[in-house]
């Protein structure tokens, strides 16, 4: 779980699919103060062997969620072409920009990292 000034991000699950050779990371994003627009970009994971994997946008949630105050939004990001079955994702990182609906000039930028995420394979 990561808490920033105006929002919270909580990882809920990390699932690997052997047949599709992908890993999906699901998490919840929640605004603490007011309605917000968020943009999530530069999304990637690094596996235990140091290989960086980019997001599969076609199988992932939208990267510009609308957040209502105290209402969690579920997002799932999928990463493809995973070699082997790594037990851990060493690092999941992305950048966010959030801004209130009413004042588009008030922007908050963050670089987020989650480390050592255990992968459940099926």
PDB file of N, CA and C in Angstrom:
ATOM      1  N   UNK A   1       0.852  -1.182   0.000  1.00  0.00           N
ATOM      2  CA  UNK A   1       0.000   0.000   0.000  1.00  0.00           C
ATOM      3  C   UNK A   1       0.890   1.235   0.000  1.00  0.00           C
ATOM      4  N   UNK A   2       0.519   2.221  -0.823  1.00  0.00           N
ATOM      5  CA  UNK A   2       1.237   3.487  -0.891  1.00  0.00           C
ATOM      6  C   UNK A   2       0.244   4.623  -0.705  1.00  0.00           C
ATOM      7  N   UNK A   3       0.568   5.546   0.183  1.00  0.00           N
ATOM      8  CA  UNK A   3      -0.293   6.715   0.392  1.00  0.00           C
ATOM      9  C   UNK A   3       0.448   7.947  -0.090  1.00  0.00           C
ATOM     10  N   UNK A   4      -0.206   8.706  -0.927  1.00  0.00           N
ATOM     11  CA  UNK A   4       0.316   9.979  -1.389  1.00  0.00           C
ATOM     12  C   UNK A   4      -0.558  11.079  -0.793  1.00  0.00           C
ATOM     13  N   UNK A   5      -0.239  12.305  -1.110  1.00  0.00           N
ATOM     14  CA  UNK A   5      -0.938  13.451  -0.530  1.00  0.00           C
ATOM     15  C   UNK A   5      -2.459  13.378  -0.704  1.00  0.00           C
ATOM     16  N   UNK A   6      -2.916  13.012  -1.891  1.00  0.00           N
ATOM     17  CA  UNK A   6      -4.355  13.066  -2.172  1.00  0.00           C
ATOM     18  C   UNK A   6      -4.978  11.730  -2.557  1.00  0.00           C
ATOM     19  N   UNK A   7      -4.198  10.654  -2.587  1.00  0.00           N
ATOM     20  CA  UNK A   7      -4.769   9.373  -2.994  1.00  0.00           C
ATOM     21  C   UNK A   7      -3.993   8.203  -2.383  1.00  0.00           C
ATOM     22  N   UNK A   8      -4.614   7.017  -2.456  1.00  0.00           N
ATOM     23  CA  UNK A   8      -4.032   5.786  -1.944  1.00  0.00           C
ATOM     24  C   UNK A   8      -4.012   4.751  -3.062  1.00  0.00           C
ATOM     25  N   UNK A   9      -2.926   3.993  -3.150  1.00  0.00           N
ATOM     26  CA  UNK A   9      -2.825   2.888  -4.104  1.00  0.00           C
ATOM     27  C   UNK A   9      -2.495   1.633  -3.313  1.00  0.00           C
ATOM     28  N   UNK A  10      -3.318   0.583  -3.510  1.00  0.00           N
ATOM     29  CA  UNK A  10      -3.131  -0.666  -2.774  1.00  0.00           C
ATOM     30  C   UNK A  10      -3.099  -1.828  -3.753  1.00  0.00           C
ATOM     31  N   UNK A  11      -1.984  -2.593  -3.751  1.00  0.00           N
ATOM     32  CA  UNK A  11      -1.860  -3.770  -4.600  1.00  0.00           C
ATOM     33  C   UNK A  11      -2.749  -4.870  -4.029  1.00  0.00           C
ATOM     34  N   UNK A  12      -3.547  -5.533  -4.875  1.00  0.00           N
ATOM     35  CA  UNK A  12      -4.432  -6.585  -4.393  1.00  0.00           C
ATOM     36  C   UNK A  12      -3.983  -7.982  -4.813  1.00  0.00           C
ATOM     37  N   UNK A  13      -3.480  -8.146  -6.063  1.00  0.00           N
ATOM     38  CA  UNK A  13      -3.005  -9.471  -6.467  1.00  0.00           C
ATOM     39  C   UNK A  13      -2.065  -9.382  -7.663  1.00  0.00           C
ATOM     40  N   UNK A  14      -1.214 -10.408  -7.771  1.00  0.00           N
ATOM     41  CA  UNK A  14      -0.275 -10.544  -8.885  1.00  0.00           C
ATOM     42  C   UNK A  14      -0.403 -11.986  -9.367  1.00  0.00           C
ATOM     43  N   UNK A  15      -0.967 -12.153 -10.573  1.00  0.00           N
ATOM     44  CA  UNK A  15      -1.268 -13.481 -11.117  1.00  0.00           C
ATOM     45  C   UNK A  15      -0.500 -13.692 -12.420  1.00  0.00           C
ATOM     46  N   UNK A  16       0.174 -14.838 -12.510  1.00  0.00           N
ATOM     47  CA  UNK A  16       0.846 -15.228 -13.745  1.00  0.00           C
ATOM     48  C   UNK A  16       0.047 -16.309 -14.452  1.00  0.00           C
ATOM     49  N   UNK A  17      -0.029 -16.250 -15.771  1.00  0.00           N
ATOM     50  CA  UNK A  17      -0.719 -17.256 -16.564  1.00  0.00           C
ATOM     51  C   UNK A  17       0.319 -17.966 -17.433  1.00  0.00           C
ATOM     52  N   UNK A  18       0.541 -19.264 -17.162  1.00  0.00           N
ATOM     53  CA  UNK A  18       1.564 -20.045 -17.868  1.00  0.00           C
ATOM     54  C   UNK A  18       1.265 -20.150 -19.360  1.00  0.00           C
ATOM     55  N   UNK A  19       0.009 -20.403 -19.718  1.00  0.00           N
ATOM     56  CA  UNK A  19      -0.360 -20.603 -21.125  1.00  0.00           C
ATOM     57  C   UNK A  19      -0.201 -19.317 -21.938  1.00  0.00           C
ATOM     58  N   UNK A  20      -0.591 -18.182 -21.376  1.00  0.00           N
ATOM     59  CA  UNK A  20      -0.510 -16.903 -22.100  1.00  0.00           C
ATOM     60  C   UNK A  20       0.830 -16.194 -21.908  1.00  0.00           C
ATOM     61  N   UNK A  21       1.665 -16.726 -21.009  1.00  0.00           N
ATOM     62  CA  UNK A  21       2.968 -16.134 -20.704  1.00  0.00           C
ATOM     63  C   UNK A  21       2.840 -14.660 -20.329  1.00  0.00           C
ATOM     64  N   UNK A  22       1.890 -14.389 -19.426  1.00  0.00           N
ATOM     65  CA  UNK A  22       1.719 -13.007 -18.990  1.00  0.00           C
ATOM     66  C   UNK A  22       1.572 -12.940 -17.466  1.00  0.00           C
ATOM     67  N   UNK A  23       1.716 -11.749 -16.954  1.00  0.00           N
ATOM     68  CA  UNK A  23       1.496 -11.470 -15.532  1.00  0.00           C
ATOM     69  C   UNK A  23       0.550 -10.285 -15.449  1.00  0.00           C
ATOM     70  N   UNK A  24      -0.477 -10.418 -14.597  1.00  0.00           N
ATOM     71  CA  UNK A  24      -1.419  -9.327 -14.369  1.00  0.00           C
ATOM     72  C   UNK A  24      -1.294  -8.840 -12.935  1.00  0.00           C
ATOM     73  N   UNK A  25      -1.164  -7.533 -12.779  1.00  0.00           N
ATOM     74  CA  UNK A  25      -1.094  -6.903 -11.463  1.00  0.00           C
ATOM     75  C   UNK A  25      -2.367  -6.091 -11.277  1.00  0.00           C
ATOM     76  N   UNK A  26      -3.097  -6.391 -10.197  1.00  0.00           N
ATOM     77  CA  UNK A  26      -4.352  -5.700  -9.903  1.00  0.00           C
ATOM     78  C   UNK A  26      -4.173  -4.868  -8.643  1.00  0.00           C
ATOM     79  N   UNK A  27      -4.684  -3.650  -8.684  1.00  0.00           N
ATOM     80  CA  UNK A  27      -4.612  -2.784  -7.519  1.00  0.00           C
ATOM     81  C   UNK A  27      -5.797  -1.828  -7.482  1.00  0.00           C
ATOM     82  N   UNK A  28      -5.989  -1.192  -6.334  1.00  0.00           N
ATOM     83  CA  UNK A  28      -7.066  -0.225  -6.127  1.00  0.00           C
ATOM     84  C   UNK A  28      -6.464   1.160  -5.968  1.00  0.00           C
ATOM     85  N   UNK A  29      -7.106   2.154  -6.596  1.00  0.00           N
ATOM     86  CA  UNK A  29      -6.719   3.555  -6.457  1.00  0.00           C
ATOM     87  C   UNK A  29      -7.915   4.286  -5.864  1.00  0.00           C
ATOM     88  N   UNK A  30      -7.658   5.127  -4.861  1.00  0.00           N
ATOM     89  CA  UNK A  30      -8.755   5.845  -4.199  1.00  0.00           C
ATOM     90  C   UNK A  30      -8.328   7.276  -3.891  1.00  0.00           C
ATOM     91  N   UNK A  31      -9.170   8.238  -4.258  1.00  0.00           N
ATOM     92  CA  UNK A  31      -8.927   9.642  -3.939  1.00  0.00           C
ATOM     93  C   UNK A  31      -9.369   9.905  -2.501  1.00  0.00           C
ATOM     94  N   UNK A  32      -8.546  10.620  -1.750  1.00  0.00           N
ATOM     95  CA  UNK A  32      -8.870  10.888  -0.346  1.00  0.00           C
ATOM     96  C   UNK A  32      -9.617  12.197  -0.145  1.00  0.00           C
ATOM     97  N   UNK A  33      -9.505  13.134  -1.084  1.00  0.00           N
ATOM     98  CA  UNK A  33     -10.066  14.457  -0.832  1.00  0.00           C
ATOM     99  C   UNK A  33     -11.190  14.878  -1.770  1.00  0.00           C
ATOM    100  N   UNK A  34     -11.015  14.728  -3.061  1.00  0.00           N
ATOM    101  CA  UNK A  34     -12.028  15.201  -4.007  1.00  0.00           C
ATOM    102  C   UNK A  34     -11.969  14.433  -5.309  1.00  0.00           C
ATOM    103  N   UNK A  35     -12.947  14.705  -6.185  1.00  0.00           N
ATOM    104  CA  UNK A  35     -12.947  14.079  -7.510  1.00  0.00           C
ATOM    105  C   UNK A  35     -11.677  14.450  -8.248  1.00  0.00           C
ATOM    106  N   UNK A  36     -11.100  13.446  -8.912  1.00  0.00           N
ATOM    107  CA  UNK A  36      -9.845  13.674  -9.617  1.00  0.00           C
ATOM    108  C   UNK A  36      -9.813  12.958 -10.960  1.00  0.00           C
ATOM    109  N   UNK A  37      -8.985  13.487 -11.818  1.00  0.00           N
ATOM    110  CA  UNK A  37      -8.611  12.810 -13.049  1.00  0.00           C
ATOM    111  C   UNK A  37      -7.170  12.367 -12.834  1.00  0.00           C
ATOM    112  N   UNK A  38      -6.868  11.129 -13.229  1.00  0.00           N
ATOM    113  CA  UNK A  38      -5.511  10.625 -13.062  1.00  0.00           C
ATOM    114  C   UNK A  38      -5.009  10.074 -14.383  1.00  0.00           C
ATOM    115  N   UNK A  39      -3.731  10.256 -14.625  1.00  0.00           N
ATOM    116  CA  UNK A  39      -3.066   9.660 -15.774  1.00  0.00           C
ATOM    117  C   UNK A  39      -1.933   8.794 -15.239  1.00  0.00           C
ATOM    118  N   UNK A  40      -1.856   7.564 -15.730  1.00  0.00           N
ATOM    119  CA  UNK A  40      -0.804   6.640 -15.327  1.00  0.00           C
ATOM    120  C   UNK A  40       0.023   6.340 -16.574  1.00  0.00           C
ATOM    121  N   UNK A  41       1.339   6.497 -16.466  1.00  0.00           N
ATOM    122  CA  UNK A  41       2.199   6.313 -17.641  1.00  0.00           C
ATOM    123  C   UNK A  41       3.533   5.683 -17.257  1.00  0.00           C
ATOM    124  N   UNK A  42       4.327   5.348 -18.274  1.00  0.00           N
ATOM    125  CA  UNK A  42       5.638   4.708 -18.091  1.00  0.00           C
ATOM    126  C   UNK A  42       5.536   3.483 -17.179  1.00  0.00           C
ATOM    127  N   UNK A  43       4.610   2.603 -17.482  1.00  0.00           N
ATOM    128  CA  UNK A  43       4.317   1.429 -16.661  1.00  0.00           C
ATOM    129  C   UNK A  43       5.209   0.272 -17.096  1.00  0.00           C
ATOM    130  N   UNK A  44       5.933  -0.316 -16.140  1.00  0.00           N
ATOM    131  CA  UNK A  44       6.765  -1.467 -16.471  1.00  0.00           C
ATOM    132  C   UNK A  44       7.027  -2.300 -15.223  1.00  0.00           C
ATOM    133  N   UNK A  45       7.484  -3.531 -15.466  1.00  0.00           N
ATOM    134  CA  UNK A  45       7.920  -4.408 -14.379  1.00  0.00           C
ATOM    135  C   UNK A  45       9.323  -4.913 -14.708  1.00  0.00           C
ATOM    136  N   UNK A  46      10.080  -5.213 -13.659  1.00  0.00           N
ATOM    137  CA  UNK A  46      11.394  -5.820 -13.801  1.00  0.00           C
ATOM    138  C   UNK A  46      11.341  -7.132 -13.039  1.00  0.00           C
ATOM    139  N   UNK A  47      11.693  -8.247 -13.731  1.00  0.00           N
ATOM    140  CA  UNK A  47      11.642  -9.542 -13.062  1.00  0.00           C
ATOM    141  C   UNK A  47      12.922  -9.796 -12.266  1.00  0.00           C
ATOM    142  N   UNK A  48      12.967 -10.920 -11.614  1.00  0.00           N
ATOM    143  CA  UNK A  48      14.074 -11.266 -10.713  1.00  0.00           C
ATOM    144  C   UNK A  48      15.412 -11.383 -11.448  1.00  0.00           C
ATOM    145  N   UNK A  49      15.374 -11.606 -12.780  1.00  0.00           N
ATOM    146  CA  UNK A  49      16.595 -11.713 -13.585  1.00  0.00           C
ATOM    147  C   UNK A  49      16.988 -10.385 -14.220  1.00  0.00           C
ATOM    148  N   UNK A  50      16.274  -9.309 -13.897  1.00  0.00           N
ATOM    149  CA  UNK A  50      16.610  -7.994 -14.423  1.00  0.00           C
ATOM    150  C   UNK A  50      15.980  -7.659 -15.759  1.00  0.00           C
ATOM    151  N   UNK A  51      15.091  -8.529 -16.271  1.00  0.00           N
ATOM    152  CA  UNK A  51      14.410  -8.263 -17.547  1.00  0.00           C
ATOM    153  C   UNK A  51      13.263  -7.283 -17.314  1.00  0.00           C
ATOM    154  N   UNK A  52      13.203  -6.229 -18.130  1.00  0.00           N
ATOM    155  CA  UNK A  52      12.119  -5.262 -18.028  1.00  0.00           C
ATOM    156  C   UNK A  52      11.024  -5.636 -19.020  1.00  0.00           C
ATOM    157  N   UNK A  53       9.770  -5.615 -18.547  1.00  0.00           N
ATOM    158  CA  UNK A  53       8.621  -5.946 -19.389  1.00  0.00           C
ATOM    159  C   UNK A  53       7.684  -4.756 -19.439  1.00  0.00           C
ATOM    160  N   UNK A  54       7.251  -4.405 -20.638  1.00  0.00           N
ATOM    161  CA  UNK A  54       6.335  -3.286 -20.829  1.00  0.00           C
ATOM    162  C   UNK A  54       4.893  -3.772 -20.738  1.00  0.00           C
ATOM    163  N   UNK A  55       4.024  -2.844 -20.528  1.00  0.00           N
ATOM    164  CA  UNK A  55       2.595  -3.135 -20.385  1.00  0.00           C
ATOM    165  C   UNK A  55       1.987  -3.550 -21.723  1.00  0.00           C
ATOM    166  N   UNK A  56       0.997  -4.436 -21.660  1.00  0.00           N
ATOM    167  CA  UNK A  56       0.190  -4.818 -22.821  1.00  0.00           C
ATOM    168  C   UNK A  56      -1.091  -3.984 -22.727  1.00  0.00           C
ATOM    169  N   UNK A  57      -1.137  -2.859 -23.425  1.00  0.00           N
ATOM    170  CA  UNK A  57      -2.264  -1.927 -23.305  1.00  0.00           C
ATOM    171  C   UNK A  57      -3.593  -2.542 -23.726  1.00  0.00           C
ATOM    172  N   UNK A  58      -3.567  -3.510 -24.649  1.00  0.00           N
ATOM    173  CA  UNK A  58      -4.806  -4.118 -25.132  1.00  0.00           C
ATOM    174  C   UNK A  58      -5.498  -4.981 -24.081  1.00  0.00           C
ATOM    175  N   UNK A  59      -4.740  -5.488 -23.113  1.00  0.00           N
ATOM    176  CA  UNK A  59      -5.313  -6.366 -22.092  1.00  0.00           C
ATOM    177  C   UNK A  59      -5.305  -5.715 -20.708  1.00  0.00           C
ATOM    178  N   UNK A  60      -5.069  -4.420 -20.655  1.00  0.00           N
ATOM    179  CA  UNK A  60      -4.979  -3.718 -19.386  1.00  0.00           C
ATOM    180  C   UNK A  60      -6.111  -2.709 -19.229  1.00  0.00           C
ATOM    181  N   UNK A  61      -6.292  -2.265 -17.998  1.00  0.00           N
ATOM    182  CA  UNK A  61      -7.280  -1.221 -17.707  1.00  0.00           C
ATOM    183  C   UNK A  61      -6.856   0.091 -18.364  1.00  0.00           C
ATOM    184  N   UNK A  62      -7.792   1.010 -18.464  1.00  0.00           N
ATOM    185  CA  UNK A  62      -7.460   2.318 -19.021  1.00  0.00           C
ATOM    186  C   UNK A  62      -6.467   3.020 -18.097  1.00  0.00           C
ATOM    187  N   UNK A  63      -5.613   3.823 -18.676  1.00  0.00           N
ATOM    188  CA  UNK A  63      -4.556   4.474 -17.911  1.00  0.00           C
ATOM    189  C   UNK A  63      -4.912   5.912 -17.527  1.00  0.00           C
ATOM    190  N   UNK A  64      -6.191   6.252 -17.618  1.00  0.00           N
ATOM    191  CA  UNK A  64      -6.646   7.592 -17.232  1.00  0.00           C
ATOM    192  C   UNK A  64      -7.942   7.488 -16.419  1.00  0.00           C
ATOM    193  N   UNK A  65      -7.873   6.857 -15.223  1.00  0.00           N
ATOM    194  CA  UNK A  65      -9.102   6.680 -14.433  1.00  0.00           C
ATOM    195  C   UNK A  65      -9.649   7.988 -13.865  1.00  0.00           C
ATOM    196  N   UNK A  66     -10.977   8.031 -13.721  1.00  0.00           N
ATOM    197  CA  UNK A  66     -11.667   9.122 -13.031  1.00  0.00           C
ATOM    198  C   UNK A  66     -11.909   8.658 -11.602  1.00  0.00           C
ATOM    199  N   UNK A  67     -11.483   9.429 -10.630  1.00  0.00           N
ATOM    200  CA  UNK A  67     -11.598   9.032  -9.237  1.00  0.00           C
ATOM    201  C   UNK A  67     -12.617   9.898  -8.503  1.00  0.00           C
ATOM    202  N   UNK A  68     -13.522   9.239  -7.783  1.00  0.00           N
ATOM    203  CA  UNK A  68     -14.462   9.929  -6.908  1.00  0.00           C
ATOM    204  C   UNK A  68     -13.908   9.816  -5.486  1.00  0.00           C
ATOM    205  N   UNK A  69     -14.238  10.758  -4.641  1.00  0.00           N
ATOM    206  CA  UNK A  69     -13.740  10.767  -3.267  1.00  0.00           C
ATOM    207  C   UNK A  69     -14.175   9.503  -2.528  1.00  0.00           C
ATOM    208  N   UNK A  70     -13.205   8.810  -1.904  1.00  0.00           N
ATOM    209  CA  UNK A  70     -13.420   7.624  -1.074  1.00  0.00           C
ATOM    210  C   UNK A  70     -14.108   6.461  -1.791  1.00  0.00           C
ATOM    211  N   UNK A  71     -13.968   6.374  -3.108  1.00  0.00           N
ATOM    212  CA  UNK A  71     -14.518   5.255  -3.882  1.00  0.00           C
ATOM    213  C   UNK A  71     -13.349   4.588  -4.608  1.00  0.00           C
ATOM    214  N   UNK A  72     -13.006   3.341  -4.234  1.00  0.00           N
ATOM    215  CA  UNK A  72     -11.869   2.685  -4.890  1.00  0.00           C
ATOM    216  C   UNK A  72     -12.176   2.332  -6.346  1.00  0.00           C
ATOM    217  N   UNK A  73     -11.167   2.472  -7.194  1.00  0.00           N
ATOM    218  CA  UNK A  73     -11.254   2.088  -8.599  1.00  0.00           C
ATOM    219  C   UNK A  73     -10.255   0.957  -8.812  1.00  0.00           C
ATOM    220  N   UNK A  74     -10.743  -0.156  -9.348  1.00  0.00           N
ATOM    221  CA  UNK A  74      -9.892  -1.322  -9.585  1.00  0.00           C
ATOM    222  C   UNK A  74      -9.226  -1.197 -10.948  1.00  0.00           C
ATOM    223  N   UNK A  75      -7.901  -1.367 -10.981  1.00  0.00           N
ATOM    224  CA  UNK A  75      -7.133  -1.326 -12.220  1.00  0.00           C
ATOM    225  C   UNK A  75      -6.309  -2.606 -12.327  1.00  0.00           C
ATOM    226  N   UNK A  76      -6.219  -3.153 -13.535  1.00  0.00           N
ATOM    227  CA  UNK A  76      -5.395  -4.333 -13.785  1.00  0.00           C
ATOM    228  C   UNK A  76      -4.488  -4.037 -14.966  1.00  0.00           C
ATOM    229  N   UNK A  77      -3.197  -4.247 -14.762  1.00  0.00           N
ATOM    230  CA  UNK A  77      -2.220  -4.059 -15.822  1.00  0.00           C
ATOM    231  C   UNK A  77      -1.608  -5.407 -16.171  1.00  0.00           C
ATOM    232  N   UNK A  78      -1.554  -5.695 -17.472  1.00  0.00           N
ATOM    233  CA  UNK A  78      -1.053  -6.971 -17.971  1.00  0.00           C
ATOM    234  C   UNK A  78       0.297  -6.757 -18.660  1.00  0.00           C
ATOM    235  N   UNK A  79       1.211  -7.685 -18.418  1.00  0.00           N
ATOM    236  CA  UNK A  79       2.541  -7.658 -19.023  1.00  0.00           C
ATOM    237  C   UNK A  79       2.742  -8.964 -19.782  1.00  0.00           C
ATOM    238  N   UNK A  80       3.202  -8.877 -21.036  1.00  0.00           N
ATOM    239  CA  UNK A  80       3.268 -10.056 -21.897  1.00  0.00           C
ATOM    240  C   UNK A  80       4.700 -10.513 -22.132  1.00  0.00           C
ATOM    241  N   UNK A  81       4.808 -11.680 -22.782  1.00  0.00           N
ATOM    242  CA  UNK A  81       6.093 -12.275 -23.162  1.00  0.00           C
ATOM    243  C   UNK A  81       6.993 -12.518 -21.955  1.00  0.00           C
ATOM    244  N   UNK A  82       6.408 -13.018 -20.880  1.00  0.00           N
ATOM    245  CA  UNK A  82       7.169 -13.338 -19.673  1.00  0.00           C
ATOM    246  C   UNK A  82       7.853 -14.692 -19.895  1.00  0.00           C
ATOM    247  N   UNK A  83       9.151 -14.723 -19.746  1.00  0.00           N
ATOM    248  CA  UNK A  83       9.926 -15.954 -19.930  1.00  0.00           C
ATOM    249  C   UNK A  83      10.019 -16.701 -18.607  1.00  0.00           C
ATOM    250  N   UNK A  84       9.753 -18.010 -18.652  1.00  0.00           N
ATOM    251  CA  UNK A  84       9.793 -18.816 -17.438  1.00  0.00           C
ATOM    252  C   UNK A  84       8.617 -18.472 -16.534  1.00  0.00           C
ATOM    253  N   UNK A  85       8.766 -18.780 -15.274  1.00  0.00           N
ATOM    254  CA  UNK A  85       7.722 -18.491 -14.284  1.00  0.00           C
ATOM    255  C   UNK A  85       8.358 -17.848 -13.063  1.00  0.00           C
ATOM    256  N   UNK A  86       8.740 -16.564 -13.172  1.00  0.00           N
ATOM    257  CA  UNK A  86       9.388 -15.928 -12.031  1.00  0.00           C
ATOM    258  C   UNK A  86       8.461 -15.909 -10.811  1.00  0.00           C
ATOM    259  N   UNK A  87       9.014 -16.244  -9.660  1.00  0.00           N
ATOM    260  CA  UNK A  87       8.220 -16.267  -8.420  1.00  0.00           C
ATOM    261  C   UNK A  87       7.980 -14.861  -7.882  1.00  0.00           C
ATOM    262  N   UNK A  88       8.843 -13.920  -8.274  1.00  0.00           N
ATOM    263  CA  UNK A  88       8.709 -12.549  -7.793  1.00  0.00           C
ATOM    264  C   UNK A  88       8.900 -11.562  -8.935  1.00  0.00           C
ATOM    265  N   UNK A  89       8.201 -10.459  -8.844  1.00  0.00           N
ATOM    266  CA  UNK A  89       8.482  -9.288  -9.663  1.00  0.00           C
ATOM    267  C   UNK A  89       9.343  -8.406  -8.770  1.00  0.00           C
ATOM    268  N   UNK A  90      10.542  -8.120  -9.200  1.00  0.00           N
ATOM    269  CA  UNK A  90      11.463  -7.349  -8.372  1.00  0.00           C
ATOM    270  C   UNK A  90      10.970  -5.917  -8.196  1.00  0.00           C
ATOM    271  N   UNK A  91      10.430  -5.321  -9.302  1.00  0.00           N
ATOM    272  CA  UNK A  91       9.926  -3.956  -9.209  1.00  0.00           C
ATOM    273  C   UNK A  91       8.800  -3.713 -10.212  1.00  0.00           C
ATOM    274  N   UNK A  92       7.726  -3.103  -9.744  1.00  0.00           N
ATOM    275  CA  UNK A  92       6.598  -2.636 -10.569  1.00  0.00           C
ATOM    276  C   UNK A  92       6.606  -1.123 -10.408  1.00  0.00           C
ATOM    277  N   UNK A  93       6.791  -0.396 -11.528  1.00  0.00           N
ATOM    278  CA  UNK A  93       6.891   1.061 -11.412  1.00  0.00           C
ATOM    279  C   UNK A  93       6.051   1.763 -12.467  1.00  0.00           C
ATOM    280  N   UNK A  94       5.642   2.968 -12.108  1.00  0.00           N
ATOM    281  CA  UNK A  94       4.879   3.813 -13.017  1.00  0.00           C
ATOM    282  C   UNK A  94       4.866   5.236 -12.497  1.00  0.00           C
ATOM    283  N   UNK A  95       4.437   6.163 -13.363  1.00  0.00           N
ATOM    284  CA  UNK A  95       4.315   7.575 -12.993  1.00  0.00           C
ATOM    285  C   UNK A  95       2.842   7.949 -13.016  1.00  0.00           C
ATOM    286  N   UNK A  96       2.446   8.824 -12.112  1.00  0.00           N
ATOM    287  CA  UNK A  96       1.068   9.313 -12.106  1.00  0.00           C
ATOM    288  C   UNK A  96       1.053  10.836 -12.149  1.00  0.00           C
ATOM    289  N   UNK A  97       0.008  11.353 -12.758  1.00  0.00           N
ATOM    290  CA  UNK A  97      -0.316  12.773 -12.698  1.00  0.00           C
ATOM    291  C   UNK A  97      -1.777  12.839 -12.311  1.00  0.00           C
ATOM    292  N   UNK A  98      -2.089  13.559 -11.249  1.00  0.00           N
ATOM    293  CA  UNK A  98      -3.489  13.685 -10.848  1.00  0.00           C
ATOM    294  C   UNK A  98      -3.839  15.159 -10.719  1.00  0.00           C
ATOM    295  N   UNK A  99      -5.109  15.447 -11.008  1.00  0.00           N
ATOM    296  CA  UNK A  99      -5.595  16.822 -10.918  1.00  0.00           C
ATOM    297  C   UNK A  99      -7.073  16.810 -10.592  1.00  0.00           C
ATOM    298  N   UNK A 100      -7.516  17.793  -9.808  1.00  0.00           N
ATOM    299  CA  UNK A 100      -8.947  17.883  -9.488  1.00  0.00           C
ATOM    300  C   UNK A 100      -9.768  18.173 -10.743  1.00  0.00           C
ATOM    301  N   UNK A 101     -11.011  17.726 -10.735  1.00  0.00           N
ATOM    302  CA  UNK A 101     -11.919  18.011 -11.855  1.00  0.00           C
ATOM    303  C   UNK A 101     -12.133  19.510 -12.050  1.00  0.00           C
ATOM    304  N   UNK A 102     -12.171  20.249 -10.962  1.00  0.00           N
ATOM    305  CA  UNK A 102     -12.538  21.668 -11.053  1.00  0.00           C
ATOM    306  C   UNK A 102     -11.374  22.597 -11.369  1.00  0.00           C
ATOM    307  N   UNK A 103     -10.122  22.202 -11.046  1.00  0.00           N
ATOM    308  CA  UNK A 103      -8.965  23.056 -11.290  1.00  0.00           C
ATOM    309  C   UNK A 103      -7.918  22.255 -12.049  1.00  0.00           C
ATOM    310  N   UNK A 104      -7.928  22.378 -13.357  1.00  0.00           N
ATOM    311  CA  UNK A 104      -7.027  21.568 -14.169  1.00  0.00           C
ATOM    312  C   UNK A 104      -5.580  22.055 -14.124  1.00  0.00           C
ATOM    313  N   UNK A 105      -5.313  23.186 -13.476  1.00  0.00           N
ATOM    314  CA  UNK A 105      -3.944  23.691 -13.368  1.00  0.00           C
ATOM    315  C   UNK A 105      -3.224  23.176 -12.126  1.00  0.00           C
ATOM    316  N   UNK A 106      -3.968  22.614 -11.187  1.00  0.00           N
ATOM    317  CA  UNK A 106      -3.391  22.084  -9.949  1.00  0.00           C
ATOM    318  C   UNK A 106      -3.062  20.605 -10.153  1.00  0.00           C
ATOM    319  N   UNK A 107      -1.816  20.310 -10.551  1.00  0.00           N
ATOM    320  CA  UNK A 107      -1.419  18.933 -10.856  1.00  0.00           C
ATOM    321  C   UNK A 107      -0.442  18.407  -9.809  1.00  0.00           C
ATOM    322  N   UNK A 108      -0.575  17.120  -9.498  1.00  0.00           N
ATOM    323  CA  UNK A 108       0.350  16.445  -8.599  1.00  0.00           C
ATOM    324  C   UNK A 108       0.981  15.297  -9.368  1.00  0.00           C
ATOM    325  N   UNK A 109       2.308  15.273  -9.404  1.00  0.00           N
ATOM    326  CA  UNK A 109       3.027  14.198 -10.109  1.00  0.00           C
ATOM    327  C   UNK A 109       3.750  13.320  -9.096  1.00  0.00           C
ATOM    328  N   UNK A 110       3.770  12.003  -9.377  1.00  0.00           N
ATOM    329  CA  UNK A 110       4.456  11.049  -8.500  1.00  0.00           C
ATOM    330  C   UNK A 110       5.100   9.948  -9.316  1.00  0.00           C
ATOM    331  N   UNK A 111       6.223   9.443  -8.836  1.00  0.00           N
ATOM    332  CA  UNK A 111       6.853   8.232  -9.358  1.00  0.00           C
ATOM    333  C   UNK A 111       6.627   7.154  -8.308  1.00  0.00           C
ATOM    334  N   UNK A 112       5.992   6.056  -8.680  1.00  0.00           N
ATOM    335  CA  UNK A 112       5.673   5.007  -7.712  1.00  0.00           C
ATOM    336  C   UNK A 112       6.404   3.714  -8.042  1.00  0.00           C
ATOM    337  N   UNK A 113       6.820   3.005  -7.000  1.00  0.00           N
ATOM    338  CA  UNK A 113       7.479   1.713  -7.147  1.00  0.00           C
ATOM    339  C   UNK A 113       6.961   0.765  -6.081  1.00  0.00           C
ATOM    340  N   UNK A 114       6.659  -0.459  -6.507  1.00  0.00           N
ATOM    341  CA  UNK A 114       6.329  -1.547  -5.592  1.00  0.00           C
ATOM    342  C   UNK A 114       7.396  -2.609  -5.809  1.00  0.00           C
ATOM    343  N   UNK A 115       8.001  -3.108  -4.735  1.00  0.00           N
ATOM    344  CA  UNK A 115       9.100  -4.060  -4.872  1.00  0.00           C
ATOM    345  C   UNK A 115       8.744  -5.420  -4.298  1.00  0.00           C
ATOM    346  N   UNK A 116       9.401  -6.449  -4.869  1.00  0.00           N
ATOM    347  CA  UNK A 116       9.304  -7.834  -4.397  1.00  0.00           C
ATOM    348  C   UNK A 116       7.862  -8.335  -4.293  1.00  0.00           C
ATOM    349  N   UNK A 117       7.150  -8.276  -5.423  1.00  0.00           N
ATOM    350  CA  UNK A 117       5.767  -8.751  -5.476  1.00  0.00           C
ATOM    351  C   UNK A 117       5.760 -10.241  -5.796  1.00  0.00           C
ATOM    352  N   UNK A 118       5.118 -11.030  -4.956  1.00  0.00           N
ATOM    353  CA  UNK A 118       5.032 -12.477  -5.160  1.00  0.00           C
ATOM    354  C   UNK A 118       4.016 -12.777  -6.258  1.00  0.00           C
ATOM    355  N   UNK A 119       4.393 -13.608  -7.223  1.00  0.00           N
ATOM    356  CA  UNK A 119       3.535 -13.977  -8.345  1.00  0.00           C
ATOM    357  C   UNK A 119       2.904 -15.330  -8.070  1.00  0.00           C
ATOM    358  N   UNK A 120       1.574 -15.434  -8.197  1.00  0.00           N
ATOM    359  CA  UNK A 120       0.847 -16.708  -8.094  1.00  0.00           C
ATOM    360  C   UNK A 120       0.582 -17.178  -9.522  1.00  0.00           C
ATOM    361  N   UNK A 121       1.114 -18.349  -9.894  1.00  0.00           N
ATOM    362  CA  UNK A 121       0.984 -18.868 -11.251  1.00  0.00           C
ATOM    363  C   UNK A 121      -0.171 -19.865 -11.361  1.00  0.00           C
ATOM    364  N   UNK A 122      -0.891 -19.801 -12.487  1.00  0.00           N
ATOM    365  CA  UNK A 122      -1.943 -20.790 -12.770  1.00  0.00           C
ATOM    366  C   UNK A 122      -1.899 -21.181 -14.230  1.00  0.00           C
TER     367      UNK A 122
END
